[in-house]
Amino acid sequence: MAKLFGNLHLVLVAGLVFAIVVIAAFAGSVPVTSGAVLRWLHVFFGILWIGLLYYLNFVQVPTMPKIPAEMKGAITGHIAPKVFFFFRWAALLTVVTGLGIARASGYAHEAMTLAGEGAVKLIGLGMWLALIMAFNVWFIIWPAQKKILGIVEATAEEKAAAAPRALIASRTNLLLSLPMLYCMVSANLGA
């Protein structure tokens, strides 16, 4: 058991195998469609993305000033780069699977143009909020964090300038996540 639970990749593979067993067991009563698979992946990547957004905003960022200088390297050198790897790819995969759901379900155009009524307009608003958030991740937060974490060369002044930019974009994403999540769960469009 220790070998299984001590290895993240083995746990993920075991979880995937277990999910496939569950899918197969219920395939007779709940059809397996591309929309259902996309929705499942969308929820997984969305939880990963927003979970890391909340971890960064509620735990890591407020705690960093309290960490002794000699210990900060463990966070900035080992933990934060891994967090930002999963954070940015989860953002991209959440958006891609969400757009795939909208396309497969036939409401992509109406949602993206906010031309639909009711639930379609609501999901469209959620999609636009998610796109803004993903843009912030890839084009504001990640470039700033590469400087802050020393992944790319930057002067002390560049690092200092990058920190408030990253914080504002991250807090903007926190702010946008609340209405975005409401839009996504309340639209309740079928797969």
N, C-alpha and C. Protein backbone atom coordinates (compact mmCIF):
# COMPACT_ATOMS: atom_id res chain seq x y z
N MET A 1 0.82 -1.20 0.00
CA MET A 1 0.00 0.00 0.00
C MET A 1 0.86 1.26 0.00
N ALA A 2 1.95 1.23 0.76
CA ALA A 2 2.81 2.41 0.83
C ALA A 2 3.40 2.74 -0.54
N LYS A 3 3.72 1.69 -1.32
CA LYS A 3 4.27 1.91 -2.66
C LYS A 3 3.24 2.60 -3.54
N LEU A 4 1.99 2.16 -3.48
CA LEU A 4 0.93 2.77 -4.28
C LEU A 4 0.71 4.22 -3.87
N PHE A 5 0.43 4.46 -2.60
CA PHE A 5 0.07 5.80 -2.16
C PHE A 5 1.26 6.74 -2.05
N GLY A 6 2.45 6.19 -2.11
CA GLY A 6 3.65 7.02 -2.12
C GLY A 6 4.02 7.52 -3.50
N ASN A 7 3.32 7.04 -4.52
CA ASN A 7 3.63 7.40 -5.90
C ASN A 7 2.42 8.07 -6.55
N LEU A 8 2.51 9.37 -6.78
CA LEU A 8 1.40 10.13 -7.36
C LEU A 8 0.94 9.53 -8.68
N HIS A 9 1.88 9.15 -9.54
CA HIS A 9 1.51 8.62 -10.85
C HIS A 9 0.74 7.31 -10.74
N LEU A 10 1.15 6.44 -9.82
CA LEU A 10 0.41 5.20 -9.62
C LEU A 10 -1.00 5.46 -9.10
N VAL A 11 -1.14 6.42 -8.21
CA VAL A 11 -2.47 6.77 -7.69
C VAL A 11 -3.35 7.30 -8.82
N LEU A 12 -2.78 8.16 -9.68
CA LEU A 12 -3.56 8.68 -10.81
C LEU A 12 -3.98 7.57 -11.76
N VAL A 13 -3.07 6.66 -12.07
CA VAL A 13 -3.41 5.53 -12.95
C VAL A 13 -4.48 4.66 -12.29
N ALA A 14 -4.32 4.37 -11.01
CA ALA A 14 -5.31 3.56 -10.30
C ALA A 14 -6.66 4.26 -10.28
N GLY A 15 -6.66 5.57 -10.07
CA GLY A 15 -7.91 6.33 -10.10
C GLY A 15 -8.56 6.30 -11.46
N LEU A 16 -7.76 6.40 -12.50
CA LEU A 16 -8.29 6.34 -13.87
C LEU A 16 -8.86 4.96 -14.16
N VAL A 17 -8.15 3.91 -13.76
CA VAL A 17 -8.65 2.55 -13.96
C VAL A 17 -9.96 2.36 -13.19
N PHE A 18 -10.01 2.84 -11.97
CA PHE A 18 -11.24 2.72 -11.16
C PHE A 18 -12.39 3.48 -11.83
N ALA A 19 -12.10 4.67 -12.36
CA ALA A 19 -13.13 5.45 -13.06
C ALA A 19 -13.64 4.69 -14.28
N ILE A 20 -12.74 4.06 -15.03
CA ILE A 20 -13.15 3.28 -16.20
C ILE A 20 -14.02 2.09 -15.79
N VAL A 21 -13.70 1.46 -14.67
CA VAL A 21 -14.52 0.37 -14.15
C VAL A 21 -15.91 0.89 -13.81
N VAL A 22 -16.00 2.04 -13.15
CA VAL A 22 -17.30 2.63 -12.81
C VAL A 22 -18.07 2.97 -14.08
N ILE A 23 -17.39 3.58 -15.05
CA ILE A 23 -18.05 3.93 -16.32
C ILE A 23 -18.60 2.67 -16.99
N ALA A 24 -17.79 1.62 -17.05
CA ALA A 24 -18.22 0.36 -17.69
C ALA A 24 -19.39 -0.27 -16.93
N ALA A 25 -19.33 -0.23 -15.60
CA ALA A 25 -20.37 -0.84 -14.79
C ALA A 25 -21.72 -0.16 -14.99
N PHE A 26 -21.71 1.14 -15.27
CA PHE A 26 -22.97 1.87 -15.42
C PHE A 26 -23.30 2.19 -16.87
N ALA A 27 -22.50 1.68 -17.81
CA ALA A 27 -22.70 2.00 -19.23
C ALA A 27 -24.07 1.58 -19.73
N GLY A 28 -24.65 0.54 -19.15
CA GLY A 28 -25.98 0.10 -19.58
C GLY A 28 -27.08 1.08 -19.24
N SER A 29 -26.94 1.80 -18.13
CA SER A 29 -27.99 2.74 -17.72
C SER A 29 -27.62 4.20 -17.94
N VAL A 30 -26.34 4.48 -18.03
CA VAL A 30 -25.87 5.85 -18.28
C VAL A 30 -24.94 5.79 -19.48
N PRO A 31 -25.43 6.21 -20.65
CA PRO A 31 -24.60 6.09 -21.85
C PRO A 31 -23.31 6.90 -21.76
N VAL A 32 -22.24 6.31 -22.29
CA VAL A 32 -20.95 6.99 -22.32
C VAL A 32 -20.88 7.76 -23.64
N THR A 33 -20.93 9.08 -23.52
CA THR A 33 -20.87 9.93 -24.71
C THR A 33 -19.62 10.79 -24.66
N SER A 34 -19.24 11.34 -25.80
CA SER A 34 -18.08 12.23 -25.81
C SER A 34 -18.35 13.44 -24.92
N GLY A 35 -19.60 13.90 -24.90
CA GLY A 35 -19.97 15.04 -24.03
C GLY A 35 -19.78 14.72 -22.56
N ALA A 36 -20.15 13.48 -22.17
CA ALA A 36 -19.99 13.09 -20.77
C ALA A 36 -18.51 12.99 -20.39
N VAL A 37 -17.71 12.43 -21.28
CA VAL A 37 -16.27 12.32 -21.01
C VAL A 37 -15.64 13.71 -20.94
N LEU A 38 -16.02 14.59 -21.87
CA LEU A 38 -15.50 15.96 -21.83
C LEU A 38 -15.90 16.67 -20.54
N ARG A 39 -17.15 16.48 -20.12
CA ARG A 39 -17.62 17.12 -18.88
C ARG A 39 -16.83 16.61 -17.68
N TRP A 40 -16.58 15.30 -17.63
CA TRP A 40 -15.80 14.69 -16.55
C TRP A 40 -14.40 15.29 -16.52
N LEU A 41 -13.73 15.36 -17.67
CA LEU A 41 -12.39 15.94 -17.74
C LEU A 41 -12.42 17.42 -17.40
N HIS A 42 -13.46 18.11 -17.86
CA HIS A 42 -13.59 19.55 -17.58
C HIS A 42 -13.69 19.80 -16.07
N VAL A 43 -14.48 19.00 -15.40
CA VAL A 43 -14.62 19.15 -13.95
C VAL A 43 -13.30 18.83 -13.25
N PHE A 44 -12.62 17.76 -13.68
CA PHE A 44 -11.33 17.41 -13.07
C PHE A 44 -10.32 18.55 -13.24
N PHE A 45 -10.14 19.01 -14.48
CA PHE A 45 -9.16 20.08 -14.71
C PHE A 45 -9.59 21.37 -14.03
N GLY A 46 -10.90 21.64 -14.00
CA GLY A 46 -11.40 22.84 -13.33
C GLY A 46 -11.13 22.82 -11.83
N ILE A 47 -11.34 21.67 -11.21
CA ILE A 47 -11.05 21.55 -9.77
C ILE A 47 -9.57 21.77 -9.52
N LEU A 48 -8.73 21.17 -10.37
CA LEU A 48 -7.28 21.35 -10.23
C LEU A 48 -6.91 22.82 -10.37
N TRP A 49 -7.42 23.48 -11.40
CA TRP A 49 -7.11 24.89 -11.65
C TRP A 49 -7.58 25.78 -10.52
N ILE A 50 -8.85 25.71 -10.20
CA ILE A 50 -9.41 26.62 -9.20
C ILE A 50 -8.90 26.24 -7.81
N GLY A 51 -8.68 24.96 -7.57
CA GLY A 51 -8.09 24.55 -6.29
C GLY A 51 -6.72 25.16 -6.08
N LEU A 52 -5.90 25.15 -7.14
CA LEU A 52 -4.57 25.78 -7.02
C LEU A 52 -4.67 27.30 -6.93
N LEU A 53 -5.62 27.89 -7.63
CA LEU A 53 -5.85 29.33 -7.50
C LEU A 53 -6.17 29.67 -6.04
N TYR A 54 -7.04 28.88 -5.42
CA TYR A 54 -7.40 29.14 -4.03
C TYR A 54 -6.23 28.83 -3.09
N TYR A 55 -5.48 27.76 -3.36
CA TYR A 55 -4.29 27.48 -2.57
C TYR A 55 -3.33 28.68 -2.61
N LEU A 56 -3.06 29.18 -3.79
CA LEU A 56 -2.13 30.30 -3.92
C LEU A 56 -2.63 31.53 -3.17
N ASN A 57 -3.92 31.85 -3.33
CA ASN A 57 -4.46 33.07 -2.72
C ASN A 57 -4.75 32.95 -1.23
N PHE A 58 -5.17 31.77 -0.79
CA PHE A 58 -5.54 31.62 0.62
C PHE A 58 -4.41 31.11 1.49
N VAL A 59 -3.41 30.42 0.90
CA VAL A 59 -2.37 29.78 1.69
C VAL A 59 -0.98 30.33 1.36
N GLN A 60 -0.50 30.09 0.14
CA GLN A 60 0.90 30.39 -0.17
C GLN A 60 1.23 31.88 -0.11
N VAL A 61 0.46 32.71 -0.82
CA VAL A 61 0.78 34.14 -0.86
C VAL A 61 0.71 34.79 0.53
N PRO A 62 -0.36 34.55 1.31
CA PRO A 62 -0.39 35.19 2.64
C PRO A 62 0.65 34.65 3.61
N THR A 63 1.13 33.42 3.39
CA THR A 63 2.08 32.79 4.31
C THR A 63 3.52 33.17 4.00
N MET A 64 3.84 33.47 2.74
CA MET A 64 5.23 33.74 2.34
C MET A 64 5.92 34.80 3.20
N PRO A 65 5.28 35.93 3.53
CA PRO A 65 5.99 36.93 4.35
C PRO A 65 6.36 36.42 5.76
N LYS A 66 5.67 35.40 6.24
CA LYS A 66 5.92 34.88 7.58
C LYS A 66 7.01 33.80 7.59
N ILE A 67 7.43 33.33 6.41
CA ILE A 67 8.43 32.27 6.32
C ILE A 67 9.82 32.88 6.45
N PRO A 68 10.67 32.34 7.31
CA PRO A 68 12.04 32.86 7.43
C PRO A 68 12.77 32.81 6.08
N ALA A 69 13.59 33.80 5.82
CA ALA A 69 14.29 33.94 4.53
C ALA A 69 15.03 32.67 4.14
N GLU A 70 15.67 32.02 5.10
CA GLU A 70 16.45 30.83 4.77
C GLU A 70 15.57 29.65 4.36
N MET A 71 14.27 29.70 4.60
CA MET A 71 13.37 28.62 4.24
C MET A 71 12.59 28.91 2.95
N LYS A 72 12.57 30.14 2.50
CA LYS A 72 11.78 30.51 1.32
C LYS A 72 12.22 29.79 0.06
N GLY A 73 13.50 29.44 -0.03
CA GLY A 73 14.00 28.73 -1.20
C GLY A 73 13.31 27.40 -1.43
N ALA A 74 12.87 26.74 -0.36
CA ALA A 74 12.16 25.47 -0.51
C ALA A 74 10.84 25.70 -1.25
N ILE A 75 10.18 26.81 -0.95
CA ILE A 75 8.92 27.13 -1.62
C ILE A 75 9.20 27.58 -3.06
N THR A 76 10.04 28.61 -3.20
CA THR A 76 10.27 29.19 -4.52
C THR A 76 11.05 28.28 -5.45
N GLY A 77 11.88 27.40 -4.91
CA GLY A 77 12.70 26.54 -5.74
C GLY A 77 12.07 25.19 -6.07
N HIS A 78 11.16 24.72 -5.20
CA HIS A 78 10.63 23.37 -5.39
C HIS A 78 9.10 23.32 -5.48
N ILE A 79 8.42 23.95 -4.55
CA ILE A 79 6.95 23.83 -4.51
C ILE A 79 6.29 24.73 -5.55
N ALA A 80 6.62 26.01 -5.56
CA ALA A 80 5.95 26.95 -6.46
C ALA A 80 6.09 26.59 -7.93
N PRO A 81 7.28 26.20 -8.42
CA PRO A 81 7.35 25.83 -9.84
C PRO A 81 6.41 24.68 -10.20
N LYS A 82 6.27 23.70 -9.31
CA LYS A 82 5.36 22.57 -9.54
C LYS A 82 3.91 23.05 -9.51
N VAL A 83 3.59 23.91 -8.55
CA VAL A 83 2.24 24.47 -8.47
C VAL A 83 1.90 25.20 -9.77
N PHE A 84 2.81 26.03 -10.24
CA PHE A 84 2.52 26.81 -11.44
C PHE A 84 2.49 25.96 -12.70
N PHE A 85 3.20 24.84 -12.72
CA PHE A 85 3.09 23.92 -13.85
C PHE A 85 1.66 23.38 -13.94
N PHE A 86 1.17 22.81 -12.84
CA PHE A 86 -0.18 22.25 -12.85
C PHE A 86 -1.23 23.35 -12.98
N PHE A 87 -1.00 24.49 -12.39
CA PHE A 87 -1.93 25.62 -12.44
C PHE A 87 -2.18 26.07 -13.87
N ARG A 88 -1.10 26.30 -14.62
CA ARG A 88 -1.29 26.85 -15.97
C ARG A 88 -1.83 25.80 -16.93
N TRP A 89 -1.39 24.53 -16.82
CA TRP A 89 -1.90 23.51 -17.73
C TRP A 89 -3.34 23.13 -17.38
N ALA A 90 -3.69 23.15 -16.11
CA ALA A 90 -5.09 22.89 -15.73
C ALA A 90 -5.98 24.00 -16.27
N ALA A 91 -5.50 25.24 -16.25
CA ALA A 91 -6.29 26.35 -16.81
C ALA A 91 -6.55 26.12 -18.29
N LEU A 92 -5.50 25.79 -19.03
CA LEU A 92 -5.65 25.56 -20.47
C LEU A 92 -6.59 24.38 -20.75
N LEU A 93 -6.39 23.27 -20.05
CA LEU A 93 -7.21 22.09 -20.30
C LEU A 93 -8.66 22.28 -19.86
N THR A 94 -8.88 23.09 -18.83
CA THR A 94 -10.25 23.42 -18.43
C THR A 94 -10.95 24.18 -19.55
N VAL A 95 -10.26 25.16 -20.11
CA VAL A 95 -10.84 25.96 -21.20
C VAL A 95 -11.08 25.09 -22.43
N VAL A 96 -10.10 24.29 -22.81
CA VAL A 96 -10.23 23.46 -24.01
C VAL A 96 -11.39 22.47 -23.87
N THR A 97 -11.48 21.79 -22.72
CA THR A 97 -12.58 20.83 -22.53
C THR A 97 -13.92 21.55 -22.43
N GLY A 98 -13.94 22.73 -21.83
CA GLY A 98 -15.18 23.51 -21.76
C GLY A 98 -15.67 23.92 -23.14
N LEU A 99 -14.75 24.38 -23.97
CA LEU A 99 -15.12 24.74 -25.35
C LEU A 99 -15.56 23.49 -26.11
N GLY A 100 -14.92 22.36 -25.84
CA GLY A 100 -15.34 21.10 -26.47
C GLY A 100 -16.75 20.71 -26.07
N ILE A 101 -17.10 20.89 -24.81
CA ILE A 101 -18.46 20.60 -24.34
C ILE A 101 -19.46 21.50 -25.06
N ALA A 102 -19.14 22.79 -25.13
CA ALA A 102 -20.05 23.74 -25.78
C ALA A 102 -20.25 23.38 -27.25
N ARG A 103 -19.17 23.02 -27.91
CA ARG A 103 -19.25 22.64 -29.33
C ARG A 103 -20.06 21.36 -29.50
N ALA A 104 -19.72 20.33 -28.70
CA ALA A 104 -20.41 19.04 -28.81
C ALA A 104 -21.90 19.17 -28.47
N SER A 105 -22.22 20.09 -27.59
CA SER A 105 -23.61 20.28 -27.17
C SER A 105 -24.37 21.24 -28.08
N GLY A 106 -23.67 21.90 -28.98
CA GLY A 106 -24.34 22.74 -29.96
C GLY A 106 -24.65 24.16 -29.53
N TYR A 107 -24.08 24.63 -28.44
CA TYR A 107 -24.37 25.99 -28.01
C TYR A 107 -23.14 26.90 -28.00
N ALA A 108 -22.05 26.45 -28.59
CA ALA A 108 -20.80 27.23 -28.54
C ALA A 108 -20.96 28.63 -29.12
N HIS A 109 -21.52 28.73 -30.31
CA HIS A 109 -21.63 30.03 -30.97
C HIS A 109 -22.51 30.99 -30.18
N GLU A 110 -23.68 30.52 -29.78
CA GLU A 110 -24.60 31.38 -29.02
C GLU A 110 -24.00 31.80 -27.69
N ALA A 111 -23.31 30.85 -27.03
CA ALA A 111 -22.70 31.17 -25.73
C ALA A 111 -21.57 32.18 -25.88
N MET A 112 -20.68 31.94 -26.85
CA MET A 112 -19.52 32.82 -27.01
C MET A 112 -19.90 34.22 -27.48
N THR A 113 -20.99 34.34 -28.20
CA THR A 113 -21.44 35.67 -28.66
C THR A 113 -22.45 36.27 -27.69
N LEU A 114 -22.78 35.55 -26.64
CA LEU A 114 -23.78 35.96 -25.65
C LEU A 114 -25.12 36.25 -26.32
N ALA A 115 -25.39 35.53 -27.42
CA ALA A 115 -26.61 35.74 -28.19
C ALA A 115 -27.75 34.85 -27.73
N GLY A 116 -27.43 33.85 -26.95
CA GLY A 116 -28.46 32.91 -26.50
C GLY A 116 -29.32 33.52 -25.41
N GLU A 117 -30.28 32.75 -24.99
CA GLU A 117 -31.19 33.17 -23.92
C GLU A 117 -30.86 32.41 -22.64
N GLY A 118 -31.21 32.96 -21.51
CA GLY A 118 -31.17 32.27 -20.23
C GLY A 118 -29.88 31.53 -19.95
N ALA A 119 -30.00 30.19 -19.89
CA ALA A 119 -28.88 29.34 -19.50
C ALA A 119 -27.70 29.45 -20.48
N VAL A 120 -27.99 29.61 -21.77
CA VAL A 120 -26.92 29.72 -22.76
C VAL A 120 -26.15 31.03 -22.55
N LYS A 121 -26.86 32.09 -22.28
CA LYS A 121 -26.19 33.37 -22.01
C LYS A 121 -25.40 33.29 -20.71
N LEU A 122 -25.94 32.61 -19.71
CA LEU A 122 -25.26 32.45 -18.43
C LEU A 122 -23.97 31.64 -18.59
N ILE A 123 -24.05 30.52 -19.33
CA ILE A 123 -22.84 29.72 -19.54
C ILE A 123 -21.85 30.52 -20.40
N GLY A 124 -22.34 31.32 -21.33
CA GLY A 124 -21.47 32.16 -22.15
C GLY A 124 -20.70 33.15 -21.30
N LEU A 125 -21.39 33.77 -20.35
CA LEU A 125 -20.71 34.69 -19.43
C LEU A 125 -19.64 33.95 -18.64
N GLY A 126 -19.98 32.76 -18.15
CA GLY A 126 -19.00 31.95 -17.43
C GLY A 126 -17.81 31.60 -18.30
N MET A 127 -18.06 31.30 -19.57
CA MET A 127 -16.97 30.97 -20.49
C MET A 127 -16.06 32.17 -20.70
N TRP A 128 -16.64 33.35 -20.86
CA TRP A 128 -15.81 34.55 -21.05
C TRP A 128 -15.00 34.86 -19.80
N LEU A 129 -15.60 34.70 -18.62
CA LEU A 129 -14.85 34.91 -17.38
C LEU A 129 -13.69 33.92 -17.29
N ALA A 130 -13.93 32.66 -17.65
CA ALA A 130 -12.87 31.65 -17.63
C ALA A 130 -11.78 31.98 -18.64
N LEU A 131 -12.15 32.48 -19.80
CA LEU A 131 -11.15 32.86 -20.80
C LEU A 131 -10.28 34.02 -20.30
N ILE A 132 -10.89 34.99 -19.65
CA ILE A 132 -10.13 36.10 -19.07
C ILE A 132 -9.17 35.56 -18.01
N MET A 133 -9.68 34.66 -17.18
CA MET A 133 -8.84 34.08 -16.13
C MET A 133 -7.68 33.28 -16.72
N ALA A 134 -7.95 32.49 -17.75
CA ALA A 134 -6.88 31.70 -18.38
C ALA A 134 -5.86 32.63 -19.04
N PHE A 135 -6.33 33.71 -19.65
CA PHE A 135 -5.41 34.71 -20.22
C PHE A 135 -4.50 35.26 -19.12
N ASN A 136 -5.09 35.61 -17.98
CA ASN A 136 -4.29 36.11 -16.85
C ASN A 136 -3.24 35.09 -16.42
N VAL A 137 -3.62 33.82 -16.36
CA VAL A 137 -2.68 32.78 -15.95
C VAL A 137 -1.49 32.72 -16.89
N TRP A 138 -1.77 32.63 -18.19
CA TRP A 138 -0.71 32.39 -19.18
C TRP A 138 0.08 33.63 -19.55
N PHE A 139 -0.56 34.80 -19.55
CA PHE A 139 0.10 35.99 -20.10
C PHE A 139 0.45 37.07 -19.08
N ILE A 140 -0.01 36.90 -17.84
CA ILE A 140 0.35 37.86 -16.79
C ILE A 140 1.00 37.14 -15.61
N ILE A 141 0.28 36.19 -15.03
CA ILE A 141 0.79 35.51 -13.82
C ILE A 141 2.04 34.69 -14.13
N TRP A 142 1.98 33.81 -15.13
CA TRP A 142 3.11 32.92 -15.40
C TRP A 142 4.36 33.69 -15.82
N PRO A 143 4.30 34.66 -16.75
CA PRO A 143 5.52 35.41 -17.08
C PRO A 143 6.10 36.13 -15.86
N ALA A 144 5.23 36.68 -15.01
CA ALA A 144 5.73 37.35 -13.80
C ALA A 144 6.35 36.35 -12.84
N GLN A 145 5.71 35.20 -12.66
CA GLN A 145 6.23 34.20 -11.74
C GLN A 145 7.55 33.62 -12.21
N LYS A 146 7.75 33.50 -13.52
CA LYS A 146 9.04 33.01 -14.02
C LYS A 146 10.17 33.93 -13.57
N LYS A 147 9.90 35.24 -13.53
CA LYS A 147 10.91 36.19 -13.05
C LYS A 147 11.06 36.06 -11.53
N ILE A 148 9.95 36.06 -10.83
CA ILE A 148 9.97 36.02 -9.37
C ILE A 148 10.67 34.75 -8.86
N LEU A 149 10.42 33.63 -9.50
CA LEU A 149 10.98 32.34 -9.07
C LEU A 149 12.37 32.08 -9.61
N GLY A 150 12.87 32.97 -10.47
CA GLY A 150 14.21 32.80 -11.02
C GLY A 150 14.29 31.77 -12.14
N ILE A 151 13.17 31.46 -12.74
CA ILE A 151 13.15 30.52 -13.87
C ILE A 151 13.73 31.19 -15.11
N VAL A 152 13.50 32.50 -15.22
CA VAL A 152 14.15 33.31 -16.25
C VAL A 152 14.96 34.39 -15.54
N GLU A 153 16.00 34.84 -16.18
CA GLU A 153 16.82 35.89 -15.56
C GLU A 153 16.04 37.18 -15.47
N ALA A 154 16.16 37.83 -14.35
CA ALA A 154 15.52 39.11 -14.13
C ALA A 154 16.30 39.87 -13.06
N THR A 155 16.35 41.17 -13.21
CA THR A 155 17.00 42.00 -12.21
C THR A 155 16.12 42.07 -10.97
N ALA A 156 16.67 42.56 -9.89
CA ALA A 156 15.89 42.74 -8.67
C ALA A 156 14.72 43.69 -8.91
N GLU A 157 14.94 44.71 -9.74
CA GLU A 157 13.87 45.66 -10.06
C GLU A 157 12.77 44.99 -10.88
N GLU A 158 13.16 44.13 -11.83
CA GLU A 158 12.16 43.43 -12.64
C GLU A 158 11.35 42.46 -11.78
N LYS A 159 12.02 41.79 -10.85
CA LYS A 159 11.31 40.89 -9.94
C LYS A 159 10.34 41.68 -9.07
N ALA A 160 10.80 42.81 -8.56
CA ALA A 160 9.94 43.65 -7.72
C ALA A 160 8.73 44.16 -8.48
N ALA A 161 8.93 44.51 -9.76
CA ALA A 161 7.81 44.99 -10.58
C ALA A 161 6.86 43.85 -10.94
N ALA A 162 7.38 42.64 -11.07
CA ALA A 162 6.55 41.49 -11.46
C ALA A 162 5.62 41.06 -10.32
N ALA A 163 6.05 41.20 -9.09
CA ALA A 163 5.27 40.71 -7.95
C ALA A 163 3.89 41.34 -7.86
N PRO A 164 3.76 42.68 -7.90
CA PRO A 164 2.40 43.24 -7.81
C PRO A 164 1.54 42.89 -9.02
N ARG A 165 2.18 42.78 -10.21
CA ARG A 165 1.43 42.39 -11.41
C ARG A 165 0.83 41.00 -11.23
N ALA A 166 1.65 40.07 -10.76
CA ALA A 166 1.18 38.70 -10.54
C ALA A 166 0.09 38.67 -9.48
N LEU A 167 0.28 39.42 -8.41
CA LEU A 167 -0.71 39.44 -7.33
C LEU A 167 -2.04 40.00 -7.81
N ILE A 168 -2.01 41.11 -8.53
CA ILE A 168 -3.25 41.72 -9.02
C ILE A 168 -3.98 40.77 -9.97
N ALA A 169 -3.25 40.13 -10.88
CA ALA A 169 -3.88 39.19 -11.81
C ALA A 169 -4.44 37.98 -11.07
N SER A 170 -3.71 37.50 -10.07
CA SER A 170 -4.18 36.36 -9.30
C SER A 170 -5.42 36.71 -8.49
N ARG A 171 -5.42 37.88 -7.87
CA ARG A 171 -6.59 38.31 -7.09
C ARG A 171 -7.76 38.62 -8.01
N THR A 172 -7.47 39.11 -9.23
CA THR A 172 -8.54 39.30 -10.21
C THR A 172 -9.17 37.96 -10.54
N ASN A 173 -8.34 36.94 -10.72
CA ASN A 173 -8.87 35.60 -11.00
C ASN A 173 -9.69 35.07 -9.83
N LEU A 174 -9.24 35.33 -8.62
CA LEU A 174 -10.02 34.94 -7.44
C LEU A 174 -11.39 35.61 -7.48
N LEU A 175 -11.40 36.90 -7.74
CA LEU A 175 -12.64 37.66 -7.83
C LEU A 175 -13.54 37.10 -8.92
N LEU A 176 -12.98 36.86 -10.12
CA LEU A 176 -13.77 36.37 -11.25
C LEU A 176 -14.23 34.92 -11.06
N SER A 177 -13.50 34.16 -10.25
CA SER A 177 -13.85 32.74 -10.08
C SER A 177 -15.22 32.57 -9.43
N LEU A 178 -15.60 33.48 -8.57
CA LEU A 178 -16.89 33.32 -7.87
C LEU A 178 -18.07 33.45 -8.83
N PRO A 179 -18.17 34.53 -9.62
CA PRO A 179 -19.27 34.56 -10.59
C PRO A 179 -19.11 33.50 -11.68
N MET A 180 -17.88 33.19 -12.08
CA MET A 180 -17.67 32.16 -13.10
C MET A 180 -18.21 30.81 -12.63
N LEU A 181 -17.90 30.44 -11.40
CA LEU A 181 -18.40 29.17 -10.87
C LEU A 181 -19.92 29.17 -10.78
N TYR A 182 -20.51 30.30 -10.39
CA TYR A 182 -21.97 30.39 -10.35
C TYR A 182 -22.55 30.15 -11.74
N CYS A 183 -21.97 30.81 -12.75
CA CYS A 183 -22.45 30.64 -14.13
C CYS A 183 -22.36 29.19 -14.56
N MET A 184 -21.25 28.56 -14.26
CA MET A 184 -21.03 27.19 -14.73
C MET A 184 -21.99 26.19 -14.07
N VAL A 185 -22.19 26.32 -12.77
CA VAL A 185 -23.05 25.33 -12.11
C VAL A 185 -24.53 25.64 -12.27
N SER A 186 -24.86 26.90 -12.49
CA SER A 186 -26.28 27.27 -12.57
C SER A 186 -26.87 27.14 -13.96
N ALA A 187 -26.05 27.17 -14.99
CA ALA A 187 -26.57 27.07 -16.35
C ALA A 187 -27.18 25.69 -16.58
N ASN A 188 -26.54 24.64 -16.04
CA ASN A 188 -27.07 23.28 -16.06
C ASN A 188 -27.54 22.85 -17.45
N LEU A 189 -26.67 23.02 -18.44
CA LEU A 189 -26.98 22.60 -19.80
C LEU A 189 -26.65 21.12 -19.95
N GLY A 190 -27.44 20.40 -20.65
CA GLY A 190 -27.22 18.97 -20.85
C GLY A 190 -25.98 18.70 -21.70
N ALA A 191 -25.41 17.53 -21.50
CA ALA A 191 -24.21 17.14 -22.28
C ALA A 191 -24.62 16.63 -23.63
